Amino acid sequence: IDWSKELATSDDYFYQWTQWIFKKLYEKKLASLEDVEVNFCEKLGTVLANDEIIQTNEGIVSERGNFPVIKKKMKQWVLKITKYAERLLEDLKFLDWKEDIKEIQKKWMGKKEGFIFNFFILLENNKKDDNFLEVFPTKPRTIFGVNALVLAPEHPLIDFLVSEEKISKVNVYFEQVRKKTNLEKQKNQNKTGIFT
């Protein structure tokens, strides 16, 4: 081992550049502090990445130690990586990585092709005219056949759109969904939900 080529990200020399690049990202509005749903493990005292958790019959657990993991909103720095998705995807071909790892990276980069449409939502107790539900179809011709919209359990408009008589059913469903990992949700081809 050639220790002269050793690098520690905690060295003053190194982390000054980490701080510099983060500052540049922040100045260009490519980094922001947001409330994000994370995988939180109380026993480990940390947030875990999706590939550090496992779906079991009892729910989500940490890969290390099999400790319970809950979905929880926390303030996190978010990088707008999708702004560079095209470039990052193009450069993947130059990496000498296994194909399954490259596929994971492609999904993480989040490039999606489609169109944005806004549906106006009339909320009973809210007279503002900026209540829109944004949808992202990949084929715009399908928009004319829309007869229902499906919202993710974590969508901020859920609280405003669900009637009082249906909220308890919706909350029970959400608890079931929260016990699944993102990977588990993606694998499941059977779509489920609650009609509100």
N, C-alpha and C. Protein backbone atom coordinates (compact mmCIF):
# COMPACT_ATOMS: atom_id res chain seq x y z
N ILE A 1 0.86 -1.19 0.00
CA ILE A 1 0.00 0.00 0.00
C ILE A 1 0.89 1.24 0.00
N ASP A 2 0.56 2.15 -0.89
CA ASP A 2 1.30 3.42 -0.97
C ASP A 2 0.54 4.47 -0.14
N TRP A 3 0.96 4.65 1.13
CA TRP A 3 0.27 5.55 2.04
C TRP A 3 0.43 7.02 1.65
N SER A 4 1.33 7.33 0.73
CA SER A 4 1.47 8.72 0.28
C SER A 4 0.26 9.15 -0.56
N LYS A 5 -0.49 8.17 -1.04
CA LYS A 5 -1.69 8.47 -1.83
C LYS A 5 -2.97 8.40 -0.99
N GLU A 6 -2.81 8.28 0.32
CA GLU A 6 -3.97 8.20 1.21
C GLU A 6 -4.70 9.54 1.25
N LEU A 7 -6.03 9.45 1.34
CA LEU A 7 -6.86 10.65 1.40
C LEU A 7 -7.87 10.50 2.52
N ALA A 8 -7.98 11.51 3.37
CA ALA A 8 -9.00 11.50 4.43
C ALA A 8 -9.89 12.72 4.24
N THR A 9 -11.18 12.47 4.10
CA THR A 9 -12.11 13.59 3.85
C THR A 9 -12.20 14.53 5.04
N SER A 10 -11.68 14.12 6.21
CA SER A 10 -11.71 14.98 7.39
C SER A 10 -10.49 15.91 7.46
N ASP A 11 -9.52 15.73 6.57
CA ASP A 11 -8.35 16.62 6.56
C ASP A 11 -8.75 18.03 6.17
N ASP A 12 -8.12 19.02 6.83
CA ASP A 12 -8.39 20.44 6.51
C ASP A 12 -8.27 20.69 5.02
N TYR A 13 -7.23 20.16 4.43
CA TYR A 13 -6.98 20.40 3.01
C TYR A 13 -8.15 19.92 2.16
N PHE A 14 -8.72 18.77 2.53
CA PHE A 14 -9.80 18.20 1.72
C PHE A 14 -11.13 18.91 1.97
N TYR A 15 -11.52 19.04 3.23
CA TYR A 15 -12.88 19.53 3.47
C TYR A 15 -13.07 20.99 3.14
N GLN A 16 -11.99 21.76 2.97
CA GLN A 16 -12.17 23.14 2.49
C GLN A 16 -12.78 23.13 1.09
N TRP A 17 -12.44 22.10 0.29
CA TRP A 17 -12.98 22.01 -1.06
C TRP A 17 -14.42 21.49 -1.05
N THR A 18 -14.72 20.61 -0.10
CA THR A 18 -16.10 20.16 0.07
C THR A 18 -16.98 21.35 0.41
N GLN A 19 -16.52 22.19 1.34
CA GLN A 19 -17.27 23.39 1.72
C GLN A 19 -17.39 24.35 0.55
N TRP A 20 -16.32 24.50 -0.21
CA TRP A 20 -16.33 25.42 -1.35
C TRP A 20 -17.36 24.99 -2.39
N ILE A 21 -17.36 23.69 -2.74
CA ILE A 21 -18.29 23.23 -3.77
C ILE A 21 -19.73 23.29 -3.26
N PHE A 22 -19.95 23.02 -1.97
CA PHE A 22 -21.30 23.12 -1.42
C PHE A 22 -21.78 24.57 -1.49
N LYS A 23 -20.91 25.50 -1.16
CA LYS A 23 -21.27 26.92 -1.22
C LYS A 23 -21.67 27.31 -2.65
N LYS A 24 -20.93 26.82 -3.63
CA LYS A 24 -21.24 27.11 -5.04
C LYS A 24 -22.61 26.52 -5.42
N LEU A 25 -22.88 25.30 -4.98
CA LEU A 25 -24.18 24.67 -5.24
C LEU A 25 -25.31 25.49 -4.60
N TYR A 26 -25.08 25.94 -3.38
CA TYR A 26 -26.08 26.73 -2.66
C TYR A 26 -26.34 28.06 -3.37
N GLU A 27 -25.28 28.72 -3.81
CA GLU A 27 -25.41 30.01 -4.50
C GLU A 27 -26.21 29.86 -5.80
N LYS A 28 -26.10 28.73 -6.45
CA LYS A 28 -26.81 28.48 -7.71
C LYS A 28 -28.19 27.85 -7.48
N LYS A 29 -28.61 27.82 -6.20
CA LYS A 29 -29.91 27.23 -5.82
C LYS A 29 -30.01 25.74 -6.18
N LEU A 30 -28.89 25.06 -6.13
CA LEU A 30 -28.86 23.62 -6.38
C LEU A 30 -28.81 22.83 -5.08
N ALA A 31 -28.76 23.53 -3.95
CA ALA A 31 -28.79 22.91 -2.63
C ALA A 31 -29.79 23.69 -1.78
N SER A 32 -30.67 22.97 -1.11
CA SER A 32 -31.65 23.65 -0.26
C SER A 32 -31.98 22.79 0.95
N LEU A 33 -32.36 23.45 2.04
CA LEU A 33 -32.74 22.75 3.26
C LEU A 33 -34.25 22.52 3.22
N GLU A 34 -34.66 21.25 3.28
CA GLU A 34 -36.08 20.91 3.14
C GLU A 34 -36.48 19.85 4.16
N ASP A 35 -37.79 19.79 4.44
CA ASP A 35 -38.33 18.70 5.26
C ASP A 35 -38.53 17.51 4.35
N VAL A 36 -37.82 16.43 4.64
CA VAL A 36 -37.82 15.26 3.77
C VAL A 36 -38.14 14.02 4.60
N GLU A 37 -38.95 13.12 4.03
CA GLU A 37 -39.21 11.86 4.71
C GLU A 37 -37.96 10.98 4.58
N VAL A 38 -37.47 10.51 5.73
CA VAL A 38 -36.24 9.72 5.76
C VAL A 38 -36.50 8.40 6.48
N ASN A 39 -35.56 7.48 6.34
CA ASN A 39 -35.57 6.22 7.08
C ASN A 39 -34.76 6.46 8.35
N PHE A 40 -35.43 6.57 9.50
CA PHE A 40 -34.72 6.88 10.74
C PHE A 40 -34.67 5.66 11.64
N CYS A 41 -33.46 5.36 12.12
CA CYS A 41 -33.26 4.24 13.05
C CYS A 41 -32.86 4.82 14.40
N GLU A 42 -33.77 4.70 15.37
CA GLU A 42 -33.53 5.27 16.70
C GLU A 42 -32.35 4.58 17.39
N LYS A 43 -32.27 3.25 17.28
CA LYS A 43 -31.19 2.50 17.94
C LYS A 43 -29.81 2.91 17.42
N LEU A 44 -29.71 3.15 16.11
CA LEU A 44 -28.43 3.57 15.53
C LEU A 44 -28.26 5.08 15.61
N GLY A 45 -29.36 5.79 15.86
CA GLY A 45 -29.30 7.24 16.00
C GLY A 45 -28.97 7.96 14.70
N THR A 46 -29.42 7.40 13.58
CA THR A 46 -29.06 8.01 12.30
C THR A 46 -30.12 7.75 11.23
N VAL A 47 -29.97 8.47 10.15
CA VAL A 47 -30.79 8.28 8.96
C VAL A 47 -30.10 7.24 8.08
N LEU A 48 -30.89 6.36 7.48
CA LEU A 48 -30.33 5.31 6.63
C LEU A 48 -30.78 5.48 5.18
N ALA A 49 -29.89 5.17 4.27
CA ALA A 49 -30.21 5.18 2.84
C ALA A 49 -31.14 4.00 2.54
N ASN A 50 -31.85 4.08 1.42
CA ASN A 50 -32.77 2.99 1.05
C ASN A 50 -32.05 1.65 0.92
N ASP A 51 -30.79 1.67 0.51
CA ASP A 51 -30.07 0.40 0.36
C ASP A 51 -29.47 -0.09 1.68
N GLU A 52 -29.75 0.60 2.79
CA GLU A 52 -29.28 0.17 4.11
C GLU A 52 -30.43 -0.36 4.97
N ILE A 53 -31.60 -0.53 4.36
CA ILE A 53 -32.75 -1.04 5.09
C ILE A 53 -33.29 -2.29 4.40
N ILE A 54 -34.00 -3.10 5.19
CA ILE A 54 -34.54 -4.37 4.69
C ILE A 54 -36.02 -4.44 5.06
N GLN A 55 -36.83 -4.95 4.13
CA GLN A 55 -38.25 -5.18 4.39
C GLN A 55 -38.41 -6.56 5.01
N THR A 56 -39.04 -6.65 6.18
CA THR A 56 -39.33 -7.94 6.82
C THR A 56 -40.83 -8.04 7.05
N ASN A 57 -41.29 -9.18 7.54
CA ASN A 57 -42.72 -9.34 7.86
C ASN A 57 -43.16 -8.39 8.96
N GLU A 58 -42.22 -8.01 9.83
CA GLU A 58 -42.54 -7.10 10.94
C GLU A 58 -42.44 -5.64 10.54
N GLY A 59 -41.91 -5.36 9.38
CA GLY A 59 -41.74 -3.97 8.94
C GLY A 59 -40.33 -3.72 8.43
N ILE A 60 -39.92 -2.47 8.44
CA ILE A 60 -38.60 -2.09 7.93
C ILE A 60 -37.58 -2.15 9.06
N VAL A 61 -36.41 -2.75 8.78
CA VAL A 61 -35.33 -2.83 9.77
C VAL A 61 -34.01 -2.41 9.12
N SER A 62 -33.05 -2.07 9.98
CA SER A 62 -31.72 -1.69 9.49
C SER A 62 -30.97 -2.93 9.02
N GLU A 63 -30.15 -2.76 8.01
CA GLU A 63 -29.33 -3.86 7.51
C GLU A 63 -28.34 -4.30 8.59
N ARG A 64 -27.80 -3.33 9.31
CA ARG A 64 -26.88 -3.63 10.42
C ARG A 64 -27.68 -3.73 11.71
N GLY A 65 -27.73 -4.89 12.29
CA GLY A 65 -28.36 -5.08 13.59
C GLY A 65 -29.84 -5.39 13.57
N ASN A 66 -30.49 -5.27 12.42
CA ASN A 66 -31.93 -5.53 12.31
C ASN A 66 -32.76 -4.71 13.31
N PHE A 67 -32.41 -3.44 13.48
CA PHE A 67 -33.15 -2.56 14.36
C PHE A 67 -34.33 -1.94 13.61
N PRO A 68 -35.44 -1.65 14.32
CA PRO A 68 -36.60 -1.03 13.66
C PRO A 68 -36.25 0.32 13.02
N VAL A 69 -36.85 0.56 11.87
CA VAL A 69 -36.67 1.82 11.13
C VAL A 69 -38.04 2.42 10.88
N ILE A 70 -38.16 3.72 11.13
CA ILE A 70 -39.44 4.40 10.87
C ILE A 70 -39.25 5.46 9.81
N LYS A 71 -40.35 5.78 9.13
CA LYS A 71 -40.36 6.90 8.18
C LYS A 71 -40.65 8.15 9.01
N LYS A 72 -39.83 9.18 8.81
CA LYS A 72 -39.96 10.37 9.64
C LYS A 72 -39.51 11.58 8.83
N LYS A 73 -40.21 12.70 8.98
CA LYS A 73 -39.79 13.93 8.29
C LYS A 73 -38.72 14.61 9.12
N MET A 74 -37.63 14.98 8.45
CA MET A 74 -36.52 15.69 9.10
C MET A 74 -35.96 16.71 8.12
N LYS A 75 -35.34 17.75 8.67
CA LYS A 75 -34.68 18.73 7.82
C LYS A 75 -33.41 18.09 7.25
N GLN A 76 -33.28 18.18 5.93
CA GLN A 76 -32.14 17.59 5.23
C GLN A 76 -31.69 18.53 4.13
N TRP A 77 -30.41 18.52 3.85
CA TRP A 77 -29.92 19.25 2.68
C TRP A 77 -30.22 18.40 1.45
N VAL A 78 -30.86 19.02 0.48
CA VAL A 78 -31.25 18.33 -0.75
C VAL A 78 -30.47 18.94 -1.91
N LEU A 79 -29.83 18.09 -2.70
CA LEU A 79 -29.11 18.54 -3.90
C LEU A 79 -29.98 18.26 -5.12
N LYS A 80 -30.11 19.22 -5.98
CA LYS A 80 -30.94 19.10 -7.18
C LYS A 80 -30.17 18.33 -8.27
N ILE A 81 -29.91 17.08 -7.99
CA ILE A 81 -29.10 16.23 -8.86
C ILE A 81 -29.75 16.04 -10.23
N THR A 82 -31.09 16.12 -10.29
CA THR A 82 -31.78 15.91 -11.56
C THR A 82 -31.44 16.97 -12.59
N LYS A 83 -30.95 18.12 -12.15
CA LYS A 83 -30.53 19.17 -13.10
C LYS A 83 -29.35 18.70 -13.96
N TYR A 84 -28.61 17.72 -13.45
CA TYR A 84 -27.44 17.20 -14.16
C TYR A 84 -27.65 15.76 -14.63
N ALA A 85 -28.89 15.29 -14.59
CA ALA A 85 -29.17 13.88 -14.90
C ALA A 85 -28.63 13.48 -16.27
N GLU A 86 -28.85 14.30 -17.27
CA GLU A 86 -28.42 13.96 -18.64
C GLU A 86 -26.91 13.72 -18.69
N ARG A 87 -26.15 14.63 -18.12
CA ARG A 87 -24.69 14.53 -18.13
C ARG A 87 -24.21 13.32 -17.33
N LEU A 88 -24.81 13.13 -16.16
CA LEU A 88 -24.41 12.00 -15.31
C LEU A 88 -24.72 10.66 -15.99
N LEU A 89 -25.88 10.58 -16.62
CA LEU A 89 -26.25 9.35 -17.32
C LEU A 89 -25.29 9.06 -18.47
N GLU A 90 -24.94 10.10 -19.20
CA GLU A 90 -24.02 9.96 -20.34
C GLU A 90 -22.66 9.43 -19.88
N ASP A 91 -22.19 9.91 -18.72
CA ASP A 91 -20.87 9.52 -18.24
C ASP A 91 -20.82 8.14 -17.58
N LEU A 92 -21.98 7.56 -17.29
CA LEU A 92 -22.00 6.22 -16.68
C LEU A 92 -21.30 5.19 -17.55
N LYS A 93 -21.38 5.37 -18.86
CA LYS A 93 -20.79 4.37 -19.77
C LYS A 93 -19.26 4.29 -19.63
N PHE A 94 -18.66 5.32 -19.05
CA PHE A 94 -17.20 5.32 -18.89
C PHE A 94 -16.75 4.62 -17.60
N LEU A 95 -17.70 4.27 -16.75
CA LEU A 95 -17.35 3.64 -15.47
C LEU A 95 -17.26 2.12 -15.62
N ASP A 96 -16.26 1.55 -15.01
CA ASP A 96 -16.08 0.10 -15.02
C ASP A 96 -16.80 -0.49 -13.80
N TRP A 97 -18.13 -0.41 -13.83
CA TRP A 97 -18.97 -0.88 -12.73
C TRP A 97 -19.87 -2.00 -13.24
N LYS A 98 -20.38 -2.80 -12.30
CA LYS A 98 -21.35 -3.83 -12.66
C LYS A 98 -22.61 -3.14 -13.17
N GLU A 99 -23.30 -3.81 -14.09
CA GLU A 99 -24.51 -3.23 -14.71
C GLU A 99 -25.62 -2.97 -13.69
N ASP A 100 -25.76 -3.86 -12.68
CA ASP A 100 -26.84 -3.64 -11.70
C ASP A 100 -26.57 -2.39 -10.86
N ILE A 101 -25.30 -2.09 -10.61
CA ILE A 101 -24.95 -0.86 -9.88
C ILE A 101 -25.25 0.36 -10.74
N LYS A 102 -24.94 0.25 -12.03
CA LYS A 102 -25.25 1.36 -12.95
C LYS A 102 -26.75 1.61 -13.01
N GLU A 103 -27.55 0.54 -12.98
CA GLU A 103 -29.02 0.69 -13.00
C GLU A 103 -29.51 1.42 -11.76
N ILE A 104 -28.93 1.10 -10.61
CA ILE A 104 -29.29 1.79 -9.36
C ILE A 104 -28.96 3.27 -9.49
N GLN A 105 -27.79 3.57 -10.06
CA GLN A 105 -27.38 4.96 -10.25
C GLN A 105 -28.34 5.70 -11.19
N LYS A 106 -28.77 5.02 -12.25
CA LYS A 106 -29.70 5.65 -13.21
C LYS A 106 -31.00 6.04 -12.51
N LYS A 107 -31.52 5.14 -11.68
CA LYS A 107 -32.76 5.44 -10.96
C LYS A 107 -32.55 6.60 -9.99
N TRP A 108 -31.40 6.62 -9.32
CA TRP A 108 -31.10 7.67 -8.36
C TRP A 108 -31.00 9.03 -9.04
N MET A 109 -30.46 9.07 -10.24
CA MET A 109 -30.30 10.34 -10.96
C MET A 109 -31.64 10.96 -11.33
N GLY A 110 -32.64 10.14 -11.51
CA GLY A 110 -34.00 10.63 -11.64
C GLY A 110 -34.38 11.35 -12.92
N LYS A 111 -33.76 11.00 -14.03
CA LYS A 111 -34.17 11.63 -15.29
C LYS A 111 -35.51 11.04 -15.73
N LYS A 112 -36.45 11.93 -16.00
CA LYS A 112 -37.76 11.50 -16.47
C LYS A 112 -38.15 12.37 -17.65
N GLU A 113 -38.75 11.75 -18.64
CA GLU A 113 -39.22 12.51 -19.80
C GLU A 113 -40.73 12.50 -19.80
N GLY A 114 -41.32 13.68 -19.93
CA GLY A 114 -42.76 13.80 -19.92
C GLY A 114 -43.17 15.26 -19.95
N PHE A 115 -44.39 15.52 -19.53
CA PHE A 115 -44.96 16.86 -19.59
C PHE A 115 -45.61 17.19 -18.25
N ILE A 116 -45.59 18.46 -17.89
CA ILE A 116 -46.21 18.89 -16.64
C ILE A 116 -47.56 19.53 -16.96
N PHE A 117 -48.60 19.05 -16.27
CA PHE A 117 -49.94 19.63 -16.35
C PHE A 117 -50.37 19.99 -14.94
N ASN A 118 -51.09 21.10 -14.79
CA ASN A 118 -51.62 21.49 -13.49
C ASN A 118 -53.14 21.40 -13.50
N PHE A 119 -53.68 20.64 -12.54
CA PHE A 119 -55.13 20.56 -12.35
C PHE A 119 -55.50 21.52 -11.23
N PHE A 120 -56.46 22.39 -11.49
CA PHE A 120 -56.94 23.31 -10.46
C PHE A 120 -57.78 22.53 -9.45
N ILE A 121 -57.53 22.74 -8.17
CA ILE A 121 -58.27 22.06 -7.11
C ILE A 121 -59.04 23.11 -6.32
N LEU A 122 -60.33 22.96 -6.23
CA LEU A 122 -61.16 23.88 -5.46
C LEU A 122 -61.27 23.34 -4.04
N LEU A 123 -60.64 24.03 -3.10
CA LEU A 123 -60.69 23.62 -1.70
C LEU A 123 -61.75 24.44 -0.99
N GLU A 124 -62.63 23.77 -0.25
CA GLU A 124 -63.77 24.41 0.39
C GLU A 124 -63.40 25.61 1.26
N ASN A 125 -62.44 25.45 2.15
CA ASN A 125 -62.08 26.51 3.10
C ASN A 125 -60.92 27.36 2.64
N ASN A 126 -60.54 27.23 1.39
CA ASN A 126 -59.39 27.98 0.90
C ASN A 126 -59.79 28.68 -0.39
N LYS A 127 -59.88 29.99 -0.35
CA LYS A 127 -60.36 30.76 -1.50
C LYS A 127 -59.23 31.17 -2.45
N LYS A 128 -58.01 30.76 -2.15
CA LYS A 128 -56.89 31.11 -3.03
C LYS A 128 -57.07 30.43 -4.38
N ASP A 129 -56.54 31.04 -5.41
CA ASP A 129 -56.68 30.45 -6.75
C ASP A 129 -55.40 29.76 -7.21
N ASP A 130 -54.51 29.46 -6.28
CA ASP A 130 -53.26 28.80 -6.66
C ASP A 130 -53.17 27.37 -6.13
N ASN A 131 -54.31 26.74 -5.94
CA ASN A 131 -54.33 25.34 -5.49
C ASN A 131 -54.29 24.44 -6.71
N PHE A 132 -53.10 23.98 -7.03
CA PHE A 132 -52.94 23.14 -8.21
C PHE A 132 -52.35 21.80 -7.83
N LEU A 133 -52.75 20.81 -8.56
CA LEU A 133 -52.17 19.48 -8.42
C LEU A 133 -51.39 19.22 -9.69
N GLU A 134 -50.08 19.11 -9.55
CA GLU A 134 -49.22 18.93 -10.71
C GLU A 134 -49.12 17.45 -11.05
N VAL A 135 -49.31 17.12 -12.32
CA VAL A 135 -49.17 15.74 -12.79
C VAL A 135 -48.11 15.71 -13.89
N PHE A 136 -47.54 14.53 -14.09
CA PHE A 136 -46.42 14.39 -15.02
C PHE A 136 -46.63 13.16 -15.91
N PRO A 137 -47.54 13.27 -16.91
CA PRO A 137 -47.72 12.13 -17.81
C PRO A 137 -46.58 12.06 -18.83
N THR A 138 -46.23 10.84 -19.22
CA THR A 138 -45.19 10.68 -20.24
C THR A 138 -45.79 10.81 -21.64
N LYS A 139 -47.10 10.61 -21.73
CA LYS A 139 -47.79 10.76 -23.02
C LYS A 139 -48.91 11.78 -22.84
N PRO A 140 -48.77 12.98 -23.38
CA PRO A 140 -49.77 14.04 -23.14
C PRO A 140 -51.17 13.70 -23.66
N ARG A 141 -51.28 12.82 -24.64
CA ARG A 141 -52.61 12.50 -25.18
C ARG A 141 -53.49 11.81 -24.13
N THR A 142 -52.87 11.22 -23.11
CA THR A 142 -53.65 10.53 -22.08
C THR A 142 -54.38 11.50 -21.16
N ILE A 143 -54.00 12.76 -21.16
CA ILE A 143 -54.59 13.75 -20.25
C ILE A 143 -56.08 13.93 -20.50
N PHE A 144 -56.53 13.73 -21.74
CA PHE A 144 -57.95 13.91 -22.06
C PHE A 144 -58.84 12.81 -21.47
N GLY A 145 -58.24 11.69 -21.12
CA GLY A 145 -59.01 10.58 -20.55
C GLY A 145 -58.97 10.51 -19.03
N VAL A 146 -58.43 11.53 -18.38
CA VAL A 146 -58.29 11.49 -16.92
C VAL A 146 -59.67 11.54 -16.26
N ASN A 147 -59.92 10.58 -15.36
CA ASN A 147 -61.15 10.63 -14.58
C ASN A 147 -60.87 10.53 -13.09
N ALA A 148 -59.60 10.38 -12.72
CA ALA A 148 -59.20 10.35 -11.32
C ALA A 148 -57.72 10.69 -11.23
N LEU A 149 -57.31 11.21 -10.09
CA LEU A 149 -55.90 11.49 -9.83
C LEU A 149 -55.48 10.70 -8.59
N VAL A 150 -54.29 10.15 -8.62
CA VAL A 150 -53.78 9.36 -7.52
C VAL A 150 -52.67 10.15 -6.84
N LEU A 151 -52.77 10.28 -5.52
CA LEU A 151 -51.76 11.01 -4.75
C LEU A 151 -50.96 10.05 -3.89
N ALA A 152 -49.68 10.33 -3.74
CA ALA A 152 -48.83 9.56 -2.84
C ALA A 152 -49.24 9.87 -1.40
N PRO A 153 -49.06 8.92 -0.48
CA PRO A 153 -49.45 9.15 0.92
C PRO A 153 -48.81 10.39 1.54
N GLU A 154 -47.61 10.75 1.09
CA GLU A 154 -46.91 11.89 1.69
C GLU A 154 -47.22 13.22 1.00
N HIS A 155 -48.15 13.22 0.04
CA HIS A 155 -48.46 14.46 -0.68
C HIS A 155 -49.05 15.50 0.28
N PRO A 156 -48.57 16.76 0.22
CA PRO A 156 -49.04 17.79 1.17
C PRO A 156 -50.52 18.15 1.04
N LEU A 157 -51.16 17.89 -0.09
CA LEU A 157 -52.58 18.23 -0.24
C LEU A 157 -53.53 17.18 0.34
N ILE A 158 -53.02 16.03 0.74
CA ILE A 158 -53.87 14.96 1.27
C ILE A 158 -54.75 15.49 2.41
N ASP A 159 -54.16 16.22 3.34
CA ASP A 159 -54.91 16.71 4.50
C ASP A 159 -56.08 17.60 4.11
N PHE A 160 -55.94 18.32 3.01
CA PHE A 160 -57.00 19.23 2.57
C PHE A 160 -58.06 18.54 1.71
N LEU A 161 -57.68 17.47 1.04
CA LEU A 161 -58.58 16.84 0.07
C LEU A 161 -59.44 15.72 0.63
N VAL A 162 -59.00 15.09 1.71
CA VAL A 162 -59.73 13.93 2.24
C VAL A 162 -60.80 14.41 3.22
N SER A 163 -62.02 13.91 3.03
CA SER A 163 -63.13 14.30 3.90
C SER A 163 -62.95 13.72 5.30
N GLU A 164 -63.60 14.34 6.28
CA GLU A 164 -63.48 13.90 7.68
C GLU A 164 -63.95 12.46 7.87
N GLU A 165 -65.00 12.06 7.14
CA GLU A 165 -65.53 10.70 7.32
C GLU A 165 -64.61 9.64 6.71
N LYS A 166 -63.70 10.02 5.83
CA LYS A 166 -62.80 9.03 5.20
C LYS A 166 -61.38 9.08 5.75
N ILE A 167 -61.05 10.09 6.57
CA ILE A 167 -59.66 10.28 7.01
C ILE A 167 -59.14 9.10 7.82
N SER A 168 -59.98 8.46 8.66
CA SER A 168 -59.49 7.34 9.47
C SER A 168 -59.10 6.15 8.60
N LYS A 169 -59.90 5.86 7.56
CA LYS A 169 -59.56 4.78 6.61
C LYS A 169 -58.25 5.09 5.90
N VAL A 170 -58.11 6.34 5.49
CA VAL A 170 -56.91 6.77 4.77
C VAL A 170 -55.68 6.64 5.67
N ASN A 171 -55.80 7.04 6.93
CA ASN A 171 -54.67 6.95 7.87
C ASN A 171 -54.25 5.51 8.12
N VAL A 172 -55.21 4.59 8.21
CA VAL A 172 -54.89 3.16 8.38
C VAL A 172 -54.10 2.67 7.16
N TYR A 173 -54.57 3.04 5.97
CA TYR A 173 -53.87 2.65 4.74
C TYR A 173 -52.45 3.22 4.71
N PHE A 174 -52.30 4.48 5.10
CA PHE A 174 -50.98 5.12 5.10
C PHE A 174 -50.01 4.40 6.03
N GLU A 175 -50.51 3.95 7.19
CA GLU A 175 -49.64 3.22 8.12
C GLU A 175 -49.12 1.94 7.49
N GLN A 176 -49.97 1.26 6.73
CA GLN A 176 -49.54 0.03 6.03
C GLN A 176 -48.47 0.37 4.99
N VAL A 177 -48.67 1.45 4.26
CA VAL A 177 -47.73 1.86 3.21
C VAL A 177 -46.39 2.28 3.81
N ARG A 178 -46.42 2.98 4.94
CA ARG A 178 -45.18 3.47 5.57
C ARG A 178 -44.28 2.33 6.04
N LYS A 179 -44.86 1.16 6.24
CA LYS A 179 -44.08 0.01 6.70
C LYS A 179 -43.30 -0.65 5.57
N LYS A 180 -43.49 -0.17 4.35
CA LYS A 180 -42.80 -0.74 3.20
C LYS A 180 -41.63 0.14 2.79
N THR A 181 -40.57 -0.48 2.31
CA THR A 181 -39.44 0.28 1.78
C THR A 181 -39.82 0.82 0.41
N ASN A 182 -39.09 1.82 -0.05
CA ASN A 182 -39.33 2.36 -1.39
C ASN A 182 -39.13 1.29 -2.45
N LEU A 183 -38.13 0.43 -2.24
CA LEU A 183 -37.87 -0.66 -3.18
C LEU A 183 -39.06 -1.62 -3.23
N GLU A 184 -39.61 -1.92 -2.07
CA GLU A 184 -40.77 -2.81 -1.98
C GLU A 184 -41.97 -2.21 -2.71
N LYS A 185 -42.16 -0.90 -2.56
CA LYS A 185 -43.27 -0.22 -3.25
C LYS A 185 -43.09 -0.28 -4.76
N GLN A 186 -41.85 -0.12 -5.23
CA GLN A 186 -41.57 -0.14 -6.67
C GLN A 186 -41.75 -1.53 -7.25
N LYS A 187 -41.38 -2.57 -6.49
CA LYS A 187 -41.48 -3.94 -6.98
C LYS A 187 -42.93 -4.38 -7.12
N ASN A 188 -43.79 -3.90 -6.22
CA ASN A 188 -45.17 -4.35 -6.18
C ASN A 188 -45.94 -3.83 -7.40
N GLN A 189 -46.34 -4.74 -8.27
CA GLN A 189 -47.07 -4.36 -9.48
C GLN A 189 -48.56 -4.16 -9.21
N ASN A 190 -49.06 -4.71 -8.10
CA ASN A 190 -50.47 -4.54 -7.74
C ASN A 190 -50.66 -3.18 -7.10
N LYS A 191 -51.40 -2.32 -7.75
CA LYS A 191 -51.64 -0.97 -7.24
C LYS A 191 -52.75 -1.01 -6.19
N THR A 192 -52.54 -0.33 -5.09
CA THR A 192 -53.53 -0.27 -4.02
C THR A 192 -53.83 1.18 -3.70
N GLY A 193 -54.88 1.40 -2.94
CA GLY A 193 -55.21 2.76 -2.55
C GLY A 193 -56.55 2.83 -1.87
N ILE A 194 -56.97 4.05 -1.57
CA ILE A 194 -58.26 4.32 -0.93
C ILE A 194 -58.98 5.35 -1.77
N PHE A 195 -60.20 5.05 -2.18
CA PHE A 195 -60.98 6.02 -2.95
C PHE A 195 -61.58 7.03 -1.98
N THR A 196 -61.32 8.31 -2.22
CA THR A 196 -61.81 9.33 -1.30
C THR A 196 -62.86 10.19 -1.96
